[in-house]
C-alpha cells in the first residue's frame, strides 16, 4: 500500500476507534428499516472507492479508487462500471472527493497532490491545483463542493482549511498550463475544537447551499459548521436530535442534508432538516446497516440515493482484523432514508 494512502487510513482509524462503542449504541437506538441493493459493480479486487459525483447532462456517475487513483464511470443501464481514467494517470495515485460542474468538468482530489480538473468529453487534464507547501502540517485534501457561481471549495482535513478555486482562477490555470497553488479561503483552526495538526482528521464533507449563501462542512469528530460566503463568518451549526460523529460525504437538497457515517460496526446514514438560514439542523432519521459496508459518500439522482460502499474496514489498515473485502466492490442504492 502506498505511504500516502496508508497515512490517510491511519488517520481515519485514529478517530474511528474511539467512536465504535458509542456510535454503535446511538445508531441502534435510531435505526430505521432500510433497503440496500447493488446499483453498480466496480472492476478490481482492491478498489476501496471513496467519492461519487454525477454528470448533470448525461446521468453518468463517477467514483474513484482510494487505493490507486483509478476513476470509474457508471452509465445508466449498465451494471458494471468502466475505467474512465486509469490508475496513475497524470500522477494521480489516490482519488477521494469528486465533483462534476455545469461545464462537464470532472474535479478529482488526490489527498496530497491536490485537485485535478478534467474535461469529460475528451478526458483531457485541464488544470491542477496543489496545496500550499507551507502549512501547519502536511495536507490531507479531502472533499469538495461547487457553488452556483462555479467556484469550487475544498476541505483540508489536517489543516482545517477550506481552499477556493474561482472560475477566473481555473481559466488562468488553463492558460498557463502548469500547476497552480490552492488559495486558502477559510481557516477554521480558531473555531473547531482543539486538535493535533497532521494527526487528527477534522474537516471532511462539504456542501454548498443552492443559492450560494453559505457552505456546510463537517468536522468528523461530531460537529457541523456554516461558512457564510458573503461575510466570511463561520458558526457552529446547532444540532438537534443527533450528532455528526464520523461524518464523511454529504448531500444537500431542498433543505434536507444526508450524511454518510463510516463507523465501523455501525455503518450509518443520517438525514437532517436544515433551517432556512443554515444555522440549525434536526436529525429526522438514521439507518444503520452492515450492508452499507462503511459508507464514505452519497448522492441523490433521479429519486435514488446512491451510496459508496468503501469497505475500508476490510483488508486495510483501518481494521486489520476485519477480514477480506467482498468482491466486487459496489455502489449501493438505498431506500428508507
Protein backbone atom coordinates (compact mmCIF):
# COMPACT_ATOMS: atom_id res chain seq x y z
CA UNK A 1 0.00 0.00 0.00
CA UNK A 2 1.35 3.44 -0.90
CA UNK A 3 2.56 5.55 2.01
CA UNK A 4 0.12 8.39 1.27
CA UNK A 5 -2.86 6.04 1.36
CA UNK A 6 -1.50 4.39 4.50
CA UNK A 7 -1.23 7.75 6.29
CA UNK A 8 -4.80 8.60 5.36
CA UNK A 9 -6.15 5.28 6.62
CA UNK A 10 -4.16 5.56 9.84
CA UNK A 11 -5.64 8.99 10.41
CA UNK A 12 -9.16 7.68 9.79
CA UNK A 13 -8.57 4.74 12.13
CA UNK A 14 -7.26 7.04 14.86
CA UNK A 15 -10.61 8.77 15.21
CA UNK A 16 -12.81 5.83 14.23
CA UNK A 17 -11.75 3.55 17.08
CA UNK A 18 -12.94 5.83 19.95
CA UNK A 19 -16.35 6.07 18.28
CA UNK A 20 -17.04 2.37 17.93
CA UNK A 21 -18.87 1.70 21.19
CA UNK A 22 -20.83 4.98 21.41
CA UNK A 23 -21.53 5.05 17.69
CA UNK A 24 -22.97 1.53 17.77
CA UNK A 25 -25.29 2.32 20.67
CA UNK A 26 -26.53 5.64 19.33
CA UNK A 27 -27.12 4.32 15.85
CA UNK A 28 -29.02 1.28 17.10
CA UNK A 29 -31.42 3.49 19.05
CA UNK A 30 -32.37 5.49 15.96
CA UNK A 31 -32.11 2.71 13.42
CA UNK A 32 -34.91 2.51 10.85
CA UNK A 33 -35.76 -0.17 8.29
CA UNK A 34 -33.79 0.21 5.08
CA UNK A 35 -33.33 -1.48 1.75
CA UNK A 36 -29.80 -1.74 0.40
CA UNK A 37 -29.19 -3.17 -3.06
CA UNK A 38 -26.41 -3.15 -5.62
CA UNK A 39 -26.63 -0.35 -8.18
CA UNK A 40 -23.21 -0.74 -9.83
CA UNK A 41 -20.25 -3.11 -9.64
CA UNK A 42 -16.66 -1.85 -9.82
CA UNK A 43 -13.99 -3.97 -11.56
CA UNK A 44 -10.92 -4.82 -9.47
CA UNK A 45 -10.22 -6.55 -6.17
CA UNK A 46 -8.66 -3.58 -4.30
CA UNK A 47 -10.76 -0.61 -5.36
CA UNK A 48 -11.80 0.84 -1.98
CA UNK A 49 -13.96 3.61 -3.53
CA UNK A 50 -14.36 6.90 -1.68
CA UNK A 51 -16.20 9.69 -3.52
CA UNK A 52 -19.05 9.96 -6.01
CA UNK A 53 -20.30 12.57 -8.48
CA UNK A 54 -22.94 12.86 -11.20
CA UNK A 55 -22.79 14.38 -14.67
CA UNK A 56 -25.98 16.51 -14.82
CA UNK A 57 -26.09 16.30 -18.62
CA UNK A 58 -25.88 12.53 -19.11
CA UNK A 59 -26.78 10.99 -15.77
CA UNK A 60 -23.43 9.17 -15.68
CA UNK A 61 -21.92 8.67 -12.21
CA UNK A 62 -18.24 8.73 -11.29
CA UNK A 63 -16.34 7.19 -8.40
CA UNK A 64 -12.66 6.86 -7.62
CA UNK A 65 -10.32 4.36 -6.00
CA UNK A 66 -8.73 5.32 -2.70
CA UNK A 67 -6.13 2.64 -3.36
CA UNK A 68 -4.60 3.56 -6.74
CA UNK A 69 -6.45 6.60 -8.13
CA UNK A 70 -8.48 4.88 -10.85
CA UNK A 71 -11.64 6.80 -11.73
CA UNK A 72 -14.66 4.83 -12.93
CA UNK A 73 -17.74 5.87 -14.83
CA UNK A 74 -21.13 4.26 -14.29
CA UNK A 75 -23.70 4.61 -17.03
CA UNK A 76 -27.47 4.19 -16.68
CA UNK A 77 -28.49 0.74 -17.84
CA UNK A 78 -25.01 -0.75 -17.36
CA UNK A 79 -24.44 -2.65 -14.13
CA UNK A 80 -20.63 -2.86 -14.36
CA UNK A 81 -18.60 0.36 -14.25
CA UNK A 82 -15.92 1.20 -16.80
CA UNK A 83 -12.50 2.74 -16.26
CA UNK A 84 -12.70 6.42 -17.16
CA UNK A 85 -9.15 7.39 -16.10
CA UNK A 86 -6.60 4.66 -15.32
CA UNK A 87 -4.55 4.40 -12.15
CA UNK A 88 -1.58 6.74 -12.10
CA UNK A 89 -2.84 8.93 -14.95
CA UNK A 90 -1.34 12.43 -14.67
CA UNK A 91 0.39 11.38 -11.44
CA UNK A 92 -2.88 10.67 -9.62
CA UNK A 93 -2.41 7.83 -7.13
CA UNK A 94 -5.47 8.36 -4.91
CA UNK A 95 -8.99 9.56 -5.80
CA UNK A 96 -11.05 10.94 -2.92
CA UNK A 97 -13.65 13.70 -3.37
CA UNK A 98 -15.18 14.08 -6.85
CA UNK A 99 -17.48 16.65 -8.39
CA UNK A 100 -18.81 17.49 -11.87
CA UNK A 101 -19.56 21.12 -12.73
CA UNK A 102 -22.05 22.56 -15.22
CA UNK A 103 -19.40 22.75 -17.95
CA UNK A 104 -18.91 18.96 -17.73
CA UNK A 105 -15.57 19.18 -15.98
CA UNK A 106 -14.65 16.45 -13.51
CA UNK A 107 -12.85 17.62 -10.38
CA UNK A 108 -10.87 14.85 -8.66
CA UNK A 109 -8.92 15.07 -5.40
CA UNK A 110 -5.64 13.34 -4.62
CA UNK A 111 -5.13 13.76 -0.87
CA UNK A 112 -1.57 15.07 -1.12
CA UNK A 113 -1.15 16.45 -4.64
CA UNK A 114 -4.39 18.44 -4.71
CA UNK A 115 -7.17 18.78 -7.27
CA UNK A 116 -7.08 17.76 -10.93
CA UNK A 117 -9.71 19.12 -13.33
CA UNK A 118 -10.63 17.10 -16.44
CA UNK A 119 -12.74 17.78 -19.49
CA UNK A 120 -15.18 14.87 -19.53
CA UNK A 121 -15.78 14.52 -23.30
CA UNK A 122 -12.04 14.44 -24.14
CA UNK A 123 -10.79 13.07 -20.78
CA UNK A 124 -8.05 15.70 -21.02
CA UNK A 125 -6.40 17.21 -17.94
CA UNK A 126 -7.21 20.93 -17.94
CA UNK A 127 -5.56 22.14 -14.74
CA UNK A 128 -4.13 21.01 -11.42
CA UNK A 129 -4.26 22.87 -8.12
CA UNK A 130 -1.84 21.88 -5.37
CA UNK A 131 -1.97 22.61 -1.63
CA UNK A 132 0.50 25.24 -0.39
CA UNK A 133 3.84 23.76 0.61
CA UNK A 134 3.88 25.78 3.81
CA UNK A 135 1.30 24.95 6.42
CA UNK A 136 0.76 23.86 9.97
CA UNK A 137 1.11 20.23 8.82
CA UNK A 138 1.19 18.07 5.71
CA UNK A 139 -2.04 18.38 3.70
CA UNK A 140 -4.95 15.97 3.54
CA UNK A 141 -7.06 17.44 0.75
CA UNK A 142 -10.29 15.51 1.04
CA UNK A 143 -13.65 16.67 -0.35
CA UNK A 144 -15.12 19.48 -2.44
CA UNK A 145 -18.31 21.29 -3.37
CA UNK A 146 -19.08 23.62 -6.26
CA UNK A 147 -21.19 26.71 -5.58
CA UNK A 148 -23.77 28.07 -8.05
CA UNK A 149 -21.28 30.63 -9.40
CA UNK A 150 -18.87 27.83 -10.37
CA UNK A 151 -16.43 28.35 -7.50
CA UNK A 152 -15.04 25.13 -6.01
CA UNK A 153 -14.46 24.82 -2.26
CA UNK A 154 -12.11 22.11 -1.00
CA UNK A 155 -11.55 20.82 2.55
CA UNK A 156 -8.14 20.05 4.04
CA UNK A 157 -8.68 17.61 6.89
CA UNK A 158 -5.26 18.06 8.52
CA UNK A 159 -5.01 21.84 8.21
CA UNK A 160 -8.69 22.74 8.99
CA UNK A 161 -8.65 24.96 5.91
CA UNK A 162 -11.18 25.35 3.10
CA UNK A 163 -9.49 26.26 -0.19
CA UNK A 164 -11.18 28.09 -3.05
CA UNK A 165 -10.85 27.88 -6.85
CA UNK A 166 -12.85 30.52 -8.72
CA UNK A 167 -13.84 30.25 -12.40
CA UNK A 168 -11.30 33.03 -13.11
CA UNK A 169 -8.54 31.05 -11.36
CA UNK A 170 -9.45 27.95 -13.34
CA UNK A 171 -9.38 29.85 -16.64
CA UNK A 172 -6.00 31.37 -15.78
CA UNK A 173 -4.56 28.00 -14.76
CA UNK A 174 -5.68 26.50 -18.08
CA UNK A 175 -3.99 29.32 -19.98
CA UNK A 176 -0.72 28.93 -18.09
CA UNK A 177 -0.73 25.16 -18.41
CA UNK A 178 1.05 24.48 -15.14
CA UNK A 179 0.29 23.57 -11.55
CA UNK A 180 -1.31 26.34 -9.52
CA UNK A 181 -1.30 26.64 -5.71
CA UNK A 182 -4.65 26.30 -3.98
CA UNK A 183 -5.85 29.51 -2.35
CA UNK A 184 -6.93 29.24 1.31
CA UNK A 185 -10.33 30.89 1.69
CA UNK A 186 -11.41 29.99 5.22
CA UNK A 187 -9.32 28.86 8.20
CA UNK A 188 -11.39 27.09 10.86
CA UNK A 189 -8.49 26.47 13.26
CA UNK A 190 -9.82 29.04 15.73
CA UNK A 191 -13.38 27.72 15.52
CA UNK A 192 -13.14 23.91 15.68
CA UNK A 193 -12.34 22.06 18.89
CA UNK A 194 -8.60 21.72 19.69
CA UNK A 195 -6.77 19.18 17.57
CA UNK A 196 -3.25 17.97 16.77
CA UNK A 197 -2.22 19.21 13.30
CA UNK A 198 -1.16 16.46 10.95
CA UNK A 199 -2.62 13.67 13.08
CA UNK A 200 -6.28 14.49 13.69
CA UNK A 201 -8.78 14.29 10.83
CA UNK A 202 -11.16 17.24 11.18
CA UNK A 203 -12.96 18.80 8.17
CA UNK A 204 -14.23 16.33 5.62
CA UNK A 205 -17.57 16.50 3.80
CA UNK A 206 -18.68 19.85 2.37
CA UNK A 207 -21.78 21.08 0.51
CA UNK A 208 -22.87 24.39 -0.98
CA UNK A 209 -26.30 25.87 -0.29
CA UNK A 210 -28.16 26.04 -3.66
CA UNK A 211 -28.48 29.84 -3.72
CA UNK A 212 -24.82 30.37 -2.88
CA UNK A 213 -25.31 31.93 0.56
CA UNK A 214 -23.24 29.51 2.60
CA UNK A 215 -21.30 26.27 2.86
CA UNK A 216 -21.76 23.46 5.38
CA UNK A 217 -18.72 21.40 6.32
CA UNK A 218 -18.46 18.57 8.83
CA UNK A 219 -15.81 18.02 11.47
CA UNK A 220 -15.54 14.22 11.72
CA UNK A 221 -15.35 14.49 15.50
CA UNK A 222 -19.04 15.38 15.65
CA UNK A 223 -19.70 18.98 14.60
CA UNK A 224 -21.10 20.83 11.60
CA UNK A 225 -20.04 24.35 10.57
CA UNK A 226 -21.70 27.05 8.49
CA UNK A 227 -19.45 29.30 6.41
CA UNK A 228 -21.13 32.48 5.16
CA UNK A 229 -19.87 33.11 1.63
CA UNK A 230 -20.65 36.83 1.76
CA UNK A 231 -19.38 37.85 5.20
CA UNK A 232 -16.91 35.03 5.82
CA UNK A 233 -18.41 34.42 9.27
CA UNK A 234 -18.03 30.84 10.50
CA UNK A 235 -20.51 29.40 13.01
CA UNK A 236 -21.08 26.02 14.57
CA UNK A 237 -24.46 24.69 13.46
CA UNK A 238 -26.84 23.82 16.29
CA UNK A 239 -27.60 20.09 16.03
CA UNK A 240 -30.79 18.66 17.48
CA UNK A 241 -31.65 15.01 17.94
CA UNK A 242 -28.30 13.61 16.79
CA UNK A 243 -24.66 14.31 16.09
CA UNK A 244 -22.15 14.29 13.25
CA UNK A 245 -19.81 11.64 14.66
CA UNK A 246 -17.52 10.41 11.88
CA UNK A 247 -19.43 12.44 9.28
CA UNK A 248 -17.93 11.95 5.82
CA UNK A 249 -19.60 12.75 2.49
CA UNK A 250 -22.79 14.85 2.47
CA UNK A 251 -25.62 15.79 0.11
CA UNK A 252 -27.86 18.87 0.48
CA UNK A 253 -31.17 19.09 -1.40
CA UNK A 254 -34.30 21.12 -0.69
CA UNK A 255 -33.39 21.76 2.92
CA UNK A 256 -32.51 18.11 3.57
CA UNK A 257 -28.97 17.02 4.41
CA UNK A 258 -27.89 13.39 4.02
CA UNK A 259 -24.65 12.30 5.72
CA UNK A 260 -22.55 9.15 5.39
CA UNK A 261 -21.06 7.87 8.66
CA UNK A 262 -18.32 5.23 8.13
CA UNK A 263 -18.49 3.97 11.71
CA UNK A 264 -17.01 0.50 11.95
CA UNK A 265 -19.65 -2.00 13.14
CA UNK A 266 -22.30 0.74 12.98
CA UNK A 267 -22.36 1.80 9.33
CA UNK A 268 -24.87 4.62 9.14
CA UNK A 269 -26.60 7.21 7.00
CA UNK A 270 -28.41 10.11 8.65
CA UNK A 271 -30.92 12.61 7.26
CA UNK A 272 -31.28 16.12 8.67
CA UNK A 273 -33.71 19.01 8.21
CA UNK A 274 -31.71 22.23 7.89
CA UNK A 275 -33.26 25.58 8.81
CA UNK A 276 -33.64 28.20 6.06
CA UNK A 277 -30.70 30.20 7.41
CA UNK A 278 -28.50 27.12 7.80
CA UNK A 279 -27.80 27.78 11.46
CA UNK A 280 -29.52 24.69 12.89
CA UNK A 281 -30.26 21.12 11.79
CA UNK A 282 -32.52 18.45 13.23
CA UNK A 283 -31.95 14.77 12.63
CA UNK A 284 -35.07 13.27 11.07
CA UNK A 285 -33.86 9.73 10.51
CA UNK A 286 -30.91 7.40 10.61
CA UNK A 287 -30.31 3.91 9.34
CA UNK A 288 -27.59 1.54 10.43
CA UNK A 289 -26.94 -1.49 8.32
CA UNK A 290 -23.81 -3.58 7.87
CA UNK A 291 -24.85 -3.89 4.22
CA UNK A 292 -23.69 -0.27 3.81
CA UNK A 293 -20.12 -1.62 4.05
CA UNK A 294 -18.53 1.51 5.58
CA UNK A 295 -20.22 4.28 3.53
CA UNK A 296 -17.99 7.24 2.71
CA UNK A 297 -20.11 9.31 0.33
CA UNK A 298 -23.57 9.53 -1.23
CA UNK A 299 -25.71 11.47 -3.68
CA UNK A 300 -29.28 11.75 -4.90
CA UNK A 301 -30.02 11.23 -8.56
CA UNK A 302 -33.48 10.95 -10.08
CA UNK A 303 -35.12 9.93 -6.84
CA UNK A 304 -32.48 7.39 -5.83
CA UNK A 305 -29.85 7.60 -3.10
CA UNK A 306 -26.52 6.17 -4.26
CA UNK A 307 -24.03 5.25 -1.55
CA UNK A 308 -20.33 4.48 -1.87
CA UNK A 309 -19.51 1.22 -0.07
CA UNK A 310 -15.81 1.76 0.65
CA UNK A 311 -15.06 -1.41 2.67
CA UNK A 312 -12.07 0.42 4.16
CA UNK A 313 -12.52 -1.79 7.21
CA UNK A 314 -11.86 -4.92 5.14
CA UNK A 315 -8.30 -5.82 4.31
CA UNK A 316 -6.96 -2.35 5.07
CA UNK A 317 -5.18 -0.78 8.00
CA UNK A 318 -8.41 0.76 9.33
CA UNK A 319 -9.39 -2.66 10.67
CA UNK A 320 -6.63 -5.30 10.21
CA UNK A 321 -8.89 -7.97 11.70
CA UNK A 322 -11.87 -7.14 9.52
CA UNK A 323 -11.23 -9.89 7.03
CA UNK A 324 -11.00 -9.61 3.23
CA UNK A 325 -13.28 -7.25 1.26
CA UNK A 326 -16.33 -8.56 -0.50
CA UNK A 327 -15.69 -8.68 -4.25
CA UNK A 328 -16.83 -6.91 -6.34
CA UNK A 329 -16.74 -3.51 -4.71
CA UNK A 330 -20.06 -1.79 -5.34
CA UNK A 331 -22.11 1.37 -5.29
CA UNK A 332 -25.39 0.78 -3.47
CA UNK A 333 -28.90 2.04 -3.96
CA UNK A 334 -30.50 2.73 -0.57
CA UNK A 335 -34.18 3.22 0.29
CA UNK A 336 -35.74 4.10 3.60
CA UNK A 337 -33.74 7.24 4.35
